[in-house]
Amino acid sequence: MACTKVSTQKIQGLYAITPNKKVDIALIEDAITKHKVTILQYRHKTENEQLKYHEAVQLRELCSTHNTLFIVNDDINLCQKVGADGVHLGKSDSSVHIARTQLGANSIIGVSCYNQLDLAIKAQSEGASYVAFGALFASSTKPNAKHCPLSVIEQAKSKLSLPIVGIGGITFDNQHLALDAGCDAVAMVKGMFEYC
């Protein structure tokens, strides 16, 4: 079961991921408006569930105001509670099937595939909405992340019908390399927010 065509078509352009710390709404709104961010992912690895809920609600409202897709990292329950557009899953998170069952046919479900094309093919067959590959470049956010050559993006583009997101060390200076290789969207954390 695939997600709606409308939401899949919006997986393009700049995909901002919040820094892993207490959310600065003004900073994030500045980035969204200045750089025309099309997708925002909330990523805050904290045990404080009340804080996460509060931050996610604020970000969902911000994204709604700016017509930006709002994705929650890892947490299907939080995604559902705040009415986010979707969830992004890593290798240790729930399956696409569980997320789709809980969130419904119209939710966006993204899957991290690292540097493995077979994971992306599997994610597509399970009904994912988009796949993410990386780290495409050296990343200070995740310095131990495995490198994903741009050739993997080129292969994925020829084998997949899903949007492809590139992540890892992407900046405004090198994003064209990821887009030229076949990425539909480029995800940034430090590359986005250190300029604001």
N, C-alpha and C. Protein backbone atom coordinates (compact mmCIF):
# COMPACT_ATOMS: atom_id res chain seq x y z
N MET A 1 0.86 -1.19 0.00
CA MET A 1 0.00 0.00 0.00
C MET A 1 0.89 1.24 0.00
N ALA A 2 0.79 2.06 -1.00
CA ALA A 2 1.63 3.25 -1.10
C ALA A 2 0.93 4.46 -0.49
N CYS A 3 1.72 5.47 -0.17
CA CYS A 3 1.10 6.68 0.37
C CYS A 3 0.49 7.48 -0.78
N THR A 4 -0.21 8.53 -0.44
CA THR A 4 -0.88 9.31 -1.48
C THR A 4 0.15 9.97 -2.39
N LYS A 5 -0.24 10.14 -3.64
CA LYS A 5 0.67 10.72 -4.63
C LYS A 5 1.05 12.15 -4.25
N VAL A 6 0.09 12.88 -3.69
CA VAL A 6 0.34 14.28 -3.34
C VAL A 6 1.50 14.39 -2.34
N SER A 7 1.47 13.58 -1.28
CA SER A 7 2.51 13.68 -0.27
C SER A 7 3.85 13.20 -0.81
N THR A 8 3.85 12.16 -1.66
CA THR A 8 5.09 11.65 -2.24
C THR A 8 5.73 12.71 -3.13
N GLN A 9 4.92 13.43 -3.87
CA GLN A 9 5.45 14.46 -4.76
C GLN A 9 6.12 15.59 -3.98
N LYS A 10 5.75 15.76 -2.72
CA LYS A 10 6.34 16.83 -1.93
C LYS A 10 7.68 16.44 -1.31
N ILE A 11 8.11 15.19 -1.50
CA ILE A 11 9.43 14.77 -0.99
C ILE A 11 10.47 15.24 -1.99
N GLN A 12 10.79 16.51 -1.90
CA GLN A 12 11.77 17.11 -2.79
C GLN A 12 12.30 18.39 -2.17
N GLY A 13 13.47 18.80 -2.65
CA GLY A 13 14.04 20.05 -2.17
C GLY A 13 14.79 19.90 -0.86
N LEU A 14 14.65 20.89 0.00
CA LEU A 14 15.40 20.92 1.26
C LEU A 14 14.63 20.25 2.39
N TYR A 15 15.30 19.33 3.05
CA TYR A 15 14.72 18.53 4.13
C TYR A 15 15.55 18.83 5.37
N ALA A 16 15.01 19.66 6.25
CA ALA A 16 15.74 20.06 7.46
C ALA A 16 15.47 19.08 8.60
N ILE A 17 16.50 18.78 9.37
CA ILE A 17 16.36 17.93 10.56
C ILE A 17 16.78 18.76 11.76
N THR A 18 15.92 18.80 12.78
CA THR A 18 16.22 19.65 13.93
C THR A 18 17.47 19.17 14.66
N PRO A 19 18.28 20.09 15.16
CA PRO A 19 19.43 19.69 15.98
C PRO A 19 18.96 18.91 17.20
N ASN A 20 19.77 17.96 17.65
CA ASN A 20 19.40 17.08 18.76
C ASN A 20 19.59 17.79 20.10
N LYS A 21 18.72 18.78 20.33
CA LYS A 21 18.72 19.54 21.58
C LYS A 21 17.37 20.24 21.70
N LYS A 22 17.19 20.97 22.79
CA LYS A 22 15.92 21.67 23.00
C LYS A 22 15.62 22.54 21.78
N VAL A 23 14.40 22.45 21.30
CA VAL A 23 14.01 23.13 20.07
C VAL A 23 14.01 24.65 20.23
N ASP A 24 14.62 25.33 19.26
CA ASP A 24 14.59 26.79 19.18
C ASP A 24 13.66 27.14 18.02
N ILE A 25 12.41 27.44 18.35
CA ILE A 25 11.38 27.67 17.32
C ILE A 25 11.75 28.81 16.38
N ALA A 26 12.29 29.89 16.94
CA ALA A 26 12.65 31.05 16.11
C ALA A 26 13.73 30.68 15.09
N LEU A 27 14.72 29.90 15.52
CA LEU A 27 15.80 29.46 14.64
C LEU A 27 15.25 28.59 13.51
N ILE A 28 14.35 27.69 13.87
CA ILE A 28 13.79 26.77 12.87
C ILE A 28 12.88 27.51 11.89
N GLU A 29 12.08 28.43 12.41
CA GLU A 29 11.22 29.21 11.51
C GLU A 29 12.06 30.06 10.55
N ASP A 30 13.15 30.60 11.07
CA ASP A 30 14.05 31.39 10.23
C ASP A 30 14.60 30.54 9.09
N ALA A 31 15.01 29.30 9.40
CA ALA A 31 15.56 28.40 8.39
C ALA A 31 14.49 28.02 7.35
N ILE A 32 13.29 27.74 7.83
CA ILE A 32 12.19 27.35 6.92
C ILE A 32 11.89 28.47 5.93
N THR A 33 11.81 29.70 6.43
CA THR A 33 11.45 30.82 5.56
C THR A 33 12.62 31.25 4.67
N LYS A 34 13.82 31.26 5.24
CA LYS A 34 14.99 31.72 4.48
C LYS A 34 15.37 30.76 3.36
N HIS A 35 15.26 29.46 3.63
CA HIS A 35 15.74 28.46 2.67
C HIS A 35 14.62 27.69 1.97
N LYS A 36 13.36 28.09 2.22
CA LYS A 36 12.22 27.42 1.58
C LYS A 36 12.25 25.91 1.82
N VAL A 37 12.35 25.55 3.09
CA VAL A 37 12.38 24.13 3.50
C VAL A 37 11.04 23.49 3.19
N THR A 38 11.06 22.34 2.51
CA THR A 38 9.81 21.67 2.15
C THR A 38 9.42 20.58 3.16
N ILE A 39 10.43 20.06 3.89
CA ILE A 39 10.19 18.99 4.86
C ILE A 39 11.00 19.29 6.12
N LEU A 40 10.39 19.11 7.28
CA LEU A 40 11.10 19.26 8.55
C LEU A 40 10.92 17.98 9.37
N GLN A 41 12.05 17.44 9.82
CA GLN A 41 12.00 16.26 10.69
C GLN A 41 12.39 16.67 12.11
N TYR A 42 11.54 16.27 13.05
CA TYR A 42 11.82 16.51 14.47
C TYR A 42 12.61 15.33 15.01
N ARG A 43 13.85 15.64 15.44
CA ARG A 43 14.73 14.60 15.98
C ARG A 43 15.34 15.12 17.28
N HIS A 44 14.83 14.62 18.40
CA HIS A 44 15.34 15.01 19.72
C HIS A 44 15.39 13.76 20.58
N LYS A 45 16.61 13.26 20.81
CA LYS A 45 16.79 12.03 21.59
C LYS A 45 16.79 12.37 23.08
N THR A 46 15.59 12.54 23.61
CA THR A 46 15.45 12.83 25.04
C THR A 46 14.44 11.86 25.64
N GLU A 47 14.63 11.55 26.93
CA GLU A 47 13.69 10.66 27.63
C GLU A 47 12.47 11.42 28.14
N ASN A 48 12.50 12.74 28.05
CA ASN A 48 11.41 13.58 28.56
C ASN A 48 10.26 13.60 27.55
N GLU A 49 9.30 12.69 27.76
CA GLU A 49 8.20 12.54 26.81
C GLU A 49 7.31 13.78 26.74
N GLN A 50 7.15 14.46 27.87
CA GLN A 50 6.32 15.67 27.91
C GLN A 50 6.96 16.78 27.07
N LEU A 51 8.28 16.91 27.18
CA LEU A 51 9.00 17.91 26.39
C LEU A 51 8.89 17.59 24.90
N LYS A 52 9.08 16.32 24.55
CA LYS A 52 8.99 15.91 23.15
C LYS A 52 7.60 16.22 22.57
N TYR A 53 6.57 15.94 23.35
CA TYR A 53 5.21 16.21 22.89
C TYR A 53 5.02 17.71 22.68
N HIS A 54 5.45 18.51 23.66
CA HIS A 54 5.31 19.96 23.58
C HIS A 54 6.06 20.52 22.36
N GLU A 55 7.29 20.06 22.16
CA GLU A 55 8.09 20.55 21.03
C GLU A 55 7.46 20.12 19.71
N ALA A 56 7.00 18.88 19.64
CA ALA A 56 6.41 18.37 18.41
C ALA A 56 5.14 19.12 18.03
N VAL A 57 4.33 19.47 19.01
CA VAL A 57 3.11 20.24 18.74
C VAL A 57 3.47 21.61 18.18
N GLN A 58 4.46 22.25 18.78
CA GLN A 58 4.90 23.57 18.30
C GLN A 58 5.41 23.49 16.86
N LEU A 59 6.19 22.46 16.58
CA LEU A 59 6.76 22.32 15.24
C LEU A 59 5.69 21.96 14.21
N ARG A 60 4.72 21.15 14.61
CA ARG A 60 3.64 20.81 13.69
C ARG A 60 2.88 22.07 13.31
N GLU A 61 2.60 22.94 14.28
CA GLU A 61 1.89 24.19 14.00
C GLU A 61 2.72 25.10 13.09
N LEU A 62 4.03 25.14 13.35
CA LEU A 62 4.93 25.95 12.53
C LEU A 62 4.93 25.44 11.08
N CYS A 63 5.03 24.13 10.93
CA CYS A 63 5.05 23.55 9.59
C CYS A 63 3.73 23.77 8.86
N SER A 64 2.64 23.69 9.60
CA SER A 64 1.32 23.92 9.02
C SER A 64 1.22 25.35 8.48
N THR A 65 1.75 26.29 9.24
CA THR A 65 1.75 27.70 8.83
C THR A 65 2.53 27.92 7.54
N HIS A 66 3.64 27.19 7.39
CA HIS A 66 4.54 27.41 6.24
C HIS A 66 4.37 26.36 5.14
N ASN A 67 3.31 25.54 5.24
CA ASN A 67 3.06 24.51 4.23
C ASN A 67 4.27 23.59 4.04
N THR A 68 4.87 23.20 5.17
CA THR A 68 6.03 22.32 5.19
C THR A 68 5.60 20.97 5.77
N LEU A 69 6.04 19.89 5.16
CA LEU A 69 5.72 18.57 5.70
C LEU A 69 6.43 18.39 7.04
N PHE A 70 5.73 17.78 8.00
CA PHE A 70 6.30 17.57 9.33
C PHE A 70 6.45 16.07 9.59
N ILE A 71 7.69 15.64 9.78
CA ILE A 71 8.02 14.24 10.00
C ILE A 71 8.61 14.08 11.40
N VAL A 72 8.22 13.02 12.11
CA VAL A 72 8.78 12.72 13.43
C VAL A 72 9.78 11.57 13.28
N ASN A 73 10.94 11.72 13.88
CA ASN A 73 11.97 10.68 13.83
C ASN A 73 11.64 9.57 14.82
N ASP A 74 11.63 8.34 14.34
CA ASP A 74 11.56 7.12 15.17
C ASP A 74 10.23 6.82 15.86
N ASP A 75 9.51 7.82 16.30
CA ASP A 75 8.43 7.63 17.28
C ASP A 75 7.04 7.64 16.62
N ILE A 76 6.52 6.44 16.33
CA ILE A 76 5.21 6.32 15.68
C ILE A 76 4.10 6.88 16.57
N ASN A 77 4.18 6.60 17.87
CA ASN A 77 3.14 7.06 18.79
C ASN A 77 3.08 8.58 18.85
N LEU A 78 4.26 9.22 18.93
CA LEU A 78 4.30 10.69 18.97
C LEU A 78 3.78 11.26 17.65
N CYS A 79 4.16 10.65 16.56
CA CYS A 79 3.67 11.07 15.24
C CYS A 79 2.15 11.08 15.21
N GLN A 80 1.57 10.01 15.73
CA GLN A 80 0.11 9.89 15.75
C GLN A 80 -0.53 10.91 16.70
N LYS A 81 0.06 11.08 17.88
CA LYS A 81 -0.50 12.00 18.89
C LYS A 81 -0.57 13.44 18.41
N VAL A 82 0.46 13.88 17.70
CA VAL A 82 0.51 15.30 17.30
C VAL A 82 -0.03 15.53 15.89
N GLY A 83 -0.41 14.45 15.21
CA GLY A 83 -0.94 14.61 13.86
C GLY A 83 0.09 15.03 12.84
N ALA A 84 1.31 14.48 12.99
CA ALA A 84 2.38 14.78 12.03
C ALA A 84 2.05 14.16 10.67
N ASP A 85 2.74 14.62 9.64
CA ASP A 85 2.51 14.08 8.30
C ASP A 85 3.09 12.68 8.15
N GLY A 86 4.07 12.35 8.98
CA GLY A 86 4.65 11.02 8.87
C GLY A 86 5.78 10.79 9.85
N VAL A 87 6.43 9.64 9.67
CA VAL A 87 7.48 9.19 10.58
C VAL A 87 8.68 8.73 9.75
N HIS A 88 9.87 8.86 10.34
CA HIS A 88 11.07 8.35 9.68
C HIS A 88 11.65 7.23 10.55
N LEU A 89 11.90 6.08 9.94
CA LEU A 89 12.34 4.90 10.67
C LEU A 89 13.78 4.52 10.34
N GLY A 90 14.54 4.15 11.38
CA GLY A 90 15.89 3.64 11.22
C GLY A 90 15.89 2.13 11.37
N LYS A 91 17.08 1.52 11.32
CA LYS A 91 17.14 0.06 11.32
C LYS A 91 16.69 -0.57 12.63
N SER A 92 16.75 0.18 13.74
CA SER A 92 16.35 -0.40 15.03
C SER A 92 14.93 0.01 15.43
N ASP A 93 14.22 0.68 14.53
CA ASP A 93 12.86 1.13 14.82
C ASP A 93 11.83 0.12 14.32
N SER A 94 10.56 0.46 14.47
CA SER A 94 9.47 -0.41 14.02
C SER A 94 9.53 -0.62 12.50
N SER A 95 8.79 -1.60 12.04
CA SER A 95 8.75 -1.90 10.61
C SER A 95 7.81 -0.94 9.88
N VAL A 96 7.97 -0.89 8.57
CA VAL A 96 7.07 -0.09 7.73
C VAL A 96 5.63 -0.58 7.91
N HIS A 97 5.46 -1.89 7.98
CA HIS A 97 4.13 -2.48 8.13
C HIS A 97 3.44 -2.00 9.41
N ILE A 98 4.17 -2.02 10.53
CA ILE A 98 3.60 -1.58 11.81
C ILE A 98 3.24 -0.10 11.73
N ALA A 99 4.16 0.70 11.18
CA ALA A 99 3.91 2.14 11.06
C ALA A 99 2.70 2.42 10.18
N ARG A 100 2.61 1.71 9.05
CA ARG A 100 1.50 1.93 8.12
C ARG A 100 0.17 1.53 8.75
N THR A 101 0.18 0.40 9.48
CA THR A 101 -1.04 -0.07 10.15
C THR A 101 -1.53 0.95 11.17
N GLN A 102 -0.57 1.51 11.93
CA GLN A 102 -0.94 2.44 12.99
C GLN A 102 -1.30 3.83 12.45
N LEU A 103 -0.58 4.29 11.45
CA LEU A 103 -0.73 5.67 10.99
C LEU A 103 -1.70 5.83 9.82
N GLY A 104 -1.93 4.75 9.08
CA GLY A 104 -2.88 4.83 7.97
C GLY A 104 -2.21 5.02 6.62
N ALA A 105 -3.02 4.86 5.59
CA ALA A 105 -2.53 4.85 4.21
C ALA A 105 -1.95 6.19 3.76
N ASN A 106 -2.41 7.29 4.34
CA ASN A 106 -1.98 8.60 3.86
C ASN A 106 -0.74 9.16 4.54
N SER A 107 -0.27 8.48 5.56
CA SER A 107 0.92 8.98 6.27
C SER A 107 2.19 8.70 5.47
N ILE A 108 3.14 9.60 5.62
CA ILE A 108 4.45 9.43 4.97
C ILE A 108 5.32 8.57 5.88
N ILE A 109 5.95 7.55 5.31
CA ILE A 109 6.86 6.71 6.07
C ILE A 109 8.20 6.67 5.33
N GLY A 110 9.20 7.26 5.96
CA GLY A 110 10.54 7.26 5.40
C GLY A 110 11.39 6.20 6.07
N VAL A 111 12.34 5.65 5.34
CA VAL A 111 13.19 4.58 5.86
C VAL A 111 14.65 4.87 5.57
N SER A 112 15.49 4.80 6.61
CA SER A 112 16.94 4.93 6.43
C SER A 112 17.48 3.65 5.82
N CYS A 113 18.23 3.78 4.74
CA CYS A 113 18.80 2.62 4.06
C CYS A 113 20.33 2.65 4.06
N TYR A 114 20.90 3.69 4.67
CA TYR A 114 22.35 3.79 4.85
C TYR A 114 23.06 3.73 3.49
N ASN A 115 23.81 2.66 3.24
CA ASN A 115 24.47 2.53 1.92
C ASN A 115 24.03 1.23 1.24
N GLN A 116 22.84 0.74 1.62
CA GLN A 116 22.40 -0.58 1.18
C GLN A 116 21.17 -0.50 0.27
N LEU A 117 21.39 -0.76 -0.99
CA LEU A 117 20.32 -0.71 -1.98
C LEU A 117 19.25 -1.76 -1.69
N ASP A 118 19.66 -2.93 -1.18
CA ASP A 118 18.68 -4.00 -0.90
C ASP A 118 17.68 -3.57 0.17
N LEU A 119 18.13 -2.76 1.15
CA LEU A 119 17.19 -2.24 2.17
C LEU A 119 16.15 -1.33 1.53
N ALA A 120 16.58 -0.56 0.54
CA ALA A 120 15.66 0.36 -0.14
C ALA A 120 14.63 -0.40 -0.97
N ILE A 121 15.09 -1.44 -1.65
CA ILE A 121 14.18 -2.26 -2.46
C ILE A 121 13.14 -2.92 -1.54
N LYS A 122 13.61 -3.40 -0.38
CA LYS A 122 12.71 -4.02 0.59
C LYS A 122 11.71 -2.99 1.13
N ALA A 123 12.21 -1.80 1.47
CA ALA A 123 11.33 -0.74 2.00
C ALA A 123 10.26 -0.37 0.98
N GLN A 124 10.65 -0.28 -0.28
CA GLN A 124 9.68 0.04 -1.33
C GLN A 124 8.60 -1.04 -1.42
N SER A 125 9.02 -2.30 -1.36
CA SER A 125 8.07 -3.41 -1.46
C SER A 125 7.11 -3.45 -0.26
N GLU A 126 7.57 -2.91 0.88
CA GLU A 126 6.75 -2.90 2.09
C GLU A 126 5.82 -1.69 2.18
N GLY A 127 5.95 -0.77 1.23
CA GLY A 127 5.05 0.37 1.20
C GLY A 127 5.59 1.66 1.78
N ALA A 128 6.93 1.78 1.86
CA ALA A 128 7.53 3.04 2.33
C ALA A 128 7.20 4.17 1.35
N SER A 129 7.24 5.40 1.85
CA SER A 129 6.95 6.57 1.01
C SER A 129 8.20 7.16 0.38
N TYR A 130 9.33 7.04 1.08
CA TYR A 130 10.62 7.48 0.55
C TYR A 130 11.72 6.72 1.27
N VAL A 131 12.90 6.72 0.67
CA VAL A 131 14.07 6.10 1.30
C VAL A 131 15.18 7.14 1.43
N ALA A 132 16.02 6.96 2.43
CA ALA A 132 17.13 7.89 2.66
C ALA A 132 18.45 7.11 2.64
N PHE A 133 19.43 7.66 1.94
CA PHE A 133 20.77 7.07 1.88
C PHE A 133 21.79 8.03 2.46
N GLY A 134 22.78 7.50 3.16
CA GLY A 134 23.86 8.33 3.69
C GLY A 134 24.67 7.55 4.72
N ALA A 135 25.80 8.10 5.10
CA ALA A 135 26.23 9.47 4.91
C ALA A 135 26.91 9.64 3.54
N LEU A 136 26.42 10.63 2.78
CA LEU A 136 26.99 10.89 1.47
C LEU A 136 28.35 11.56 1.58
N PHE A 137 28.53 12.37 2.62
CA PHE A 137 29.79 13.07 2.86
C PHE A 137 30.14 12.93 4.34
N ALA A 138 31.32 13.34 4.73
CA ALA A 138 31.71 13.27 6.14
C ALA A 138 30.73 14.09 6.97
N SER A 139 30.22 13.49 8.05
CA SER A 139 29.19 14.14 8.86
C SER A 139 29.67 14.37 10.27
N SER A 140 29.60 15.63 10.72
CA SER A 140 29.97 15.93 12.11
C SER A 140 28.83 15.57 13.06
N THR A 141 27.58 15.48 12.54
CA THR A 141 26.44 15.10 13.37
C THR A 141 26.52 13.62 13.73
N LYS A 142 26.88 12.80 12.74
CA LYS A 142 27.05 11.35 12.97
C LYS A 142 28.42 10.94 12.38
N PRO A 143 29.50 11.23 13.13
CA PRO A 143 30.85 11.00 12.60
C PRO A 143 31.17 9.53 12.29
N ASN A 144 30.47 8.60 12.93
CA ASN A 144 30.74 7.17 12.71
C ASN A 144 29.82 6.54 11.66
N ALA A 145 29.01 7.36 11.02
CA ALA A 145 28.09 6.82 10.01
C ALA A 145 28.87 6.25 8.83
N LYS A 146 28.38 5.12 8.30
CA LYS A 146 29.03 4.50 7.14
C LYS A 146 28.86 5.40 5.92
N HIS A 147 29.89 5.46 5.09
CA HIS A 147 29.85 6.27 3.88
C HIS A 147 28.98 5.60 2.82
N CYS A 148 28.18 6.40 2.14
CA CYS A 148 27.37 5.92 1.02
C CYS A 148 27.84 6.63 -0.24
N PRO A 149 28.50 5.92 -1.14
CA PRO A 149 28.97 6.56 -2.38
C PRO A 149 27.81 7.09 -3.21
N LEU A 150 28.05 8.15 -3.95
CA LEU A 150 27.01 8.71 -4.81
C LEU A 150 26.58 7.71 -5.88
N SER A 151 27.44 6.74 -6.19
CA SER A 151 27.08 5.70 -7.17
C SER A 151 25.90 4.87 -6.70
N VAL A 152 25.73 4.73 -5.36
CA VAL A 152 24.59 4.00 -4.81
C VAL A 152 23.29 4.76 -5.12
N ILE A 153 23.36 6.08 -5.04
CA ILE A 153 22.19 6.92 -5.38
C ILE A 153 21.82 6.71 -6.85
N GLU A 154 22.84 6.69 -7.71
CA GLU A 154 22.60 6.51 -9.15
C GLU A 154 21.94 5.15 -9.42
N GLN A 155 22.42 4.10 -8.73
CA GLN A 155 21.82 2.77 -8.89
C GLN A 155 20.38 2.76 -8.38
N ALA A 156 20.19 3.39 -7.21
CA ALA A 156 18.85 3.42 -6.61
C ALA A 156 17.86 4.13 -7.53
N LYS A 157 18.31 5.19 -8.15
CA LYS A 157 17.43 5.97 -9.05
C LYS A 157 16.93 5.11 -10.20
N SER A 158 17.76 4.19 -10.65
CA SER A 158 17.36 3.35 -11.79
C SER A 158 16.49 2.16 -11.36
N LYS A 159 16.50 1.83 -10.06
CA LYS A 159 15.78 0.64 -9.59
C LYS A 159 14.51 0.95 -8.77
N LEU A 160 14.40 2.18 -8.29
CA LEU A 160 13.29 2.52 -7.39
C LEU A 160 12.33 3.51 -8.04
N SER A 161 11.07 3.44 -7.61
CA SER A 161 10.10 4.45 -8.06
C SER A 161 9.78 5.43 -6.94
N LEU A 162 10.43 5.24 -5.78
CA LEU A 162 10.21 6.13 -4.62
C LEU A 162 11.13 7.34 -4.67
N PRO A 163 10.74 8.44 -4.01
CA PRO A 163 11.67 9.56 -3.84
C PRO A 163 12.88 9.11 -3.01
N ILE A 164 14.02 9.69 -3.33
CA ILE A 164 15.28 9.37 -2.63
C ILE A 164 15.77 10.63 -1.91
N VAL A 165 16.09 10.46 -0.63
CA VAL A 165 16.64 11.55 0.18
C VAL A 165 18.10 11.24 0.49
N GLY A 166 18.96 12.21 0.27
CA GLY A 166 20.37 12.08 0.63
C GLY A 166 20.61 12.76 1.96
N ILE A 167 21.48 12.17 2.77
CA ILE A 167 21.76 12.72 4.09
C ILE A 167 23.23 12.49 4.44
N GLY A 168 23.73 13.30 5.34
CA GLY A 168 25.09 13.09 5.86
C GLY A 168 26.09 14.06 5.26
N GLY A 169 26.43 15.09 6.03
CA GLY A 169 27.45 16.04 5.61
C GLY A 169 27.04 16.94 4.45
N ILE A 170 25.76 17.02 4.17
CA ILE A 170 25.30 17.84 3.04
C ILE A 170 25.22 19.31 3.47
N THR A 171 25.75 20.17 2.62
CA THR A 171 25.74 21.61 2.86
C THR A 171 25.17 22.31 1.62
N PHE A 172 25.02 23.61 1.71
CA PHE A 172 24.56 24.36 0.54
C PHE A 172 25.62 24.35 -0.56
N ASP A 173 26.87 24.09 -0.18
CA ASP A 173 27.96 24.07 -1.17
C ASP A 173 28.04 22.75 -1.93
N ASN A 174 27.68 21.63 -1.29
CA ASN A 174 27.82 20.34 -1.98
C ASN A 174 26.50 19.66 -2.32
N GLN A 175 25.38 20.29 -1.99
CA GLN A 175 24.08 19.64 -2.23
C GLN A 175 23.86 19.29 -3.69
N HIS A 176 24.43 20.09 -4.60
CA HIS A 176 24.23 19.81 -6.03
C HIS A 176 24.77 18.45 -6.44
N LEU A 177 25.82 17.97 -5.74
CA LEU A 177 26.38 16.65 -6.05
C LEU A 177 25.37 15.55 -5.76
N ALA A 178 24.67 15.69 -4.63
CA ALA A 178 23.65 14.71 -4.25
C ALA A 178 22.45 14.78 -5.20
N LEU A 179 22.03 15.99 -5.54
CA LEU A 179 20.89 16.16 -6.44
C LEU A 179 21.22 15.66 -7.85
N ASP A 180 22.44 15.94 -8.30
CA ASP A 180 22.86 15.49 -9.63
C ASP A 180 22.93 13.96 -9.71
N ALA A 181 23.26 13.32 -8.58
CA ALA A 181 23.35 11.85 -8.55
C ALA A 181 21.97 11.20 -8.59
N GLY A 182 20.92 11.97 -8.26
CA GLY A 182 19.57 11.42 -8.33
C GLY A 182 18.72 11.62 -7.10
N CYS A 183 19.23 12.32 -6.09
CA CYS A 183 18.41 12.58 -4.90
C CYS A 183 17.28 13.54 -5.24
N ASP A 184 16.09 13.26 -4.71
CA ASP A 184 14.96 14.18 -4.88
C ASP A 184 14.98 15.27 -3.82
N ALA A 185 15.51 14.92 -2.65
CA ALA A 185 15.61 15.87 -1.54
C ALA A 185 16.96 15.67 -0.85
N VAL A 186 17.44 16.73 -0.21
CA VAL A 186 18.69 16.65 0.54
C VAL A 186 18.41 17.08 1.98
N ALA A 187 18.84 16.22 2.92
CA ALA A 187 18.60 16.47 4.34
C ALA A 187 19.82 17.12 4.97
N MET A 188 19.56 18.12 5.78
CA MET A 188 20.64 18.84 6.46
C MET A 188 20.29 19.05 7.93
N VAL A 189 21.31 18.94 8.76
CA VAL A 189 21.20 19.33 10.18
C VAL A 189 22.12 20.53 10.37
N LYS A 190 23.40 20.25 10.56
CA LYS A 190 24.37 21.34 10.78
C LYS A 190 24.46 22.26 9.55
N GLY A 191 24.44 21.64 8.37
CA GLY A 191 24.55 22.43 7.13
C GLY A 191 23.44 23.46 7.00
N MET A 192 22.30 23.17 7.60
CA MET A 192 21.16 24.09 7.56
C MET A 192 21.24 25.14 8.65
N PHE A 193 21.47 24.70 9.87
CA PHE A 193 21.27 25.60 11.02
C PHE A 193 22.49 26.42 11.42
N GLU A 194 23.69 26.06 10.93
CA GLU A 194 24.83 26.88 11.31
C GLU A 194 24.86 28.20 10.55
N TYR A 195 24.03 28.32 9.51
CA TYR A 195 23.99 29.56 8.74
C TYR A 195 22.91 30.51 9.22
N CYS A 196 22.08 30.06 10.14
CA CYS A 196 20.96 30.90 10.57
C CYS A 196 21.34 31.80 11.73
